[in-house]
Amino acid sequence: MSQITEAAPTQRELGGAVSKIAQTKQFYRDVKAEMKKVTWPTREEVKGTTVVVLIAVFFFGFFLWGVDIVISLILKTLMDLVK
């Protein structure tokens, strides 16, 4: 004959016996464990990526500025033709 085993009661079955404080403590324990697994970039890697980001920002800033000027000139020319 097979035996029926009962599963551990869920939080709902316990009537919310697991307190919010216990959940919060467990959350912070889990966060601490995950943070130990993180590989942080070296100072040189941070410097290199910062330079790349700054170059990209200036490039796209000037590019969009140029596109804005060209579109403005085209629209101004079209408006003058309509008058």
Protein backbone atom coordinates (compact mmCIF):
# COMPACT_ATOMS: atom_id res chain seq x y z
CA MET A 1 0.00 0.00 0.00
CA SER A 2 1.17 3.50 -0.74
CA GLN A 3 1.30 6.15 1.89
CA ILE A 4 -0.01 9.65 1.37
CA THR A 5 2.44 12.32 2.47
CA GLU A 6 1.31 15.79 3.29
CA ALA A 7 3.12 18.79 1.87
CA ALA A 8 4.22 21.57 4.15
CA PRO A 9 1.44 24.09 4.70
CA THR A 10 1.59 27.18 2.51
CA GLN A 11 1.60 30.71 3.87
CA ARG A 12 -2.09 31.07 3.02
CA GLU A 13 -2.91 27.90 4.93
CA LEU A 14 -1.02 29.19 7.96
CA GLY A 15 -3.15 32.31 7.92
CA GLY A 16 -0.25 34.62 7.09
CA ALA A 17 1.89 33.36 9.97
CA VAL A 18 5.06 34.39 8.15
CA SER A 19 5.52 38.00 9.19
CA LYS A 20 6.54 40.86 6.97
CA ILE A 21 9.62 41.34 9.13
CA ALA A 22 10.78 37.78 8.44
CA GLN A 23 10.15 38.27 4.71
CA THR A 24 12.13 41.51 4.74
CA LYS A 25 15.05 39.88 6.58
CA GLN A 26 15.08 37.02 4.09
CA PHE A 27 14.99 39.48 1.19
CA TYR A 28 18.06 41.31 2.51
CA ARG A 29 19.89 38.03 3.13
CA ASP A 30 19.18 37.07 -0.50
CA VAL A 31 20.36 40.47 -1.74
CA LYS A 32 23.60 40.13 0.24
CA ALA A 33 24.19 36.65 -1.21
CA GLU A 34 23.59 37.88 -4.76
CA MET A 35 25.85 40.92 -4.31
CA LYS A 36 28.71 38.57 -3.43
CA LYS A 37 28.31 37.00 -6.88
CA VAL A 38 28.66 40.32 -8.72
CA THR A 39 31.88 40.97 -10.63
CA TRP A 40 32.62 44.65 -10.49
CA PRO A 41 34.51 46.40 -13.32
CA THR A 42 38.06 47.58 -12.75
CA ARG A 43 38.94 51.26 -12.64
CA GLU A 44 40.48 51.01 -16.12
CA GLU A 45 37.31 49.42 -17.55
CA VAL A 46 35.20 52.21 -16.06
CA LYS A 47 37.51 54.88 -17.51
CA GLY A 48 37.42 53.24 -20.94
CA THR A 49 33.66 52.93 -21.10
CA THR A 50 33.25 56.50 -19.79
CA VAL A 51 35.40 57.81 -22.64
CA VAL A 52 33.37 55.81 -25.18
CA VAL A 53 30.11 57.18 -23.77
CA LEU A 54 31.35 60.78 -23.81
CA ILE A 55 32.54 60.46 -27.42
CA ALA A 56 29.21 58.94 -28.46
CA VAL A 57 27.24 61.71 -26.69
CA PHE A 58 29.21 64.46 -28.42
CA PHE A 59 29.05 62.71 -31.80
CA PHE A 60 25.29 62.20 -31.71
CA GLY A 61 24.76 65.68 -30.24
CA PHE A 62 26.58 67.32 -33.15
CA PHE A 63 24.96 64.95 -35.65
CA LEU A 64 21.45 65.78 -34.46
CA TRP A 65 22.32 69.48 -34.33
CA GLY A 66 23.35 69.27 -38.00
CA VAL A 67 20.21 67.35 -38.96
CA ASP A 68 18.12 69.98 -37.14
CA ILE A 69 19.80 72.78 -39.09
CA VAL A 70 19.26 70.99 -42.43
CA ILE A 71 15.59 70.27 -41.68
CA SER A 72 15.08 73.86 -40.52
CA LEU A 73 16.56 75.19 -43.76
CA ILE A 74 14.38 72.86 -45.85
CA LEU A 75 11.23 73.86 -43.96
CA LYS A 76 12.11 77.56 -44.18
CA THR A 77 12.63 77.22 -47.94
CA LEU A 78 9.29 75.41 -48.32
CA MET A 79 7.50 78.06 -46.24
CA ASP A 80 9.01 80.82 -48.38
CA LEU A 81 7.77 79.04 -51.54
CA VAL A 82 4.25 78.79 -50.14
CA LYS A 83 4.01 82.51 -49.35
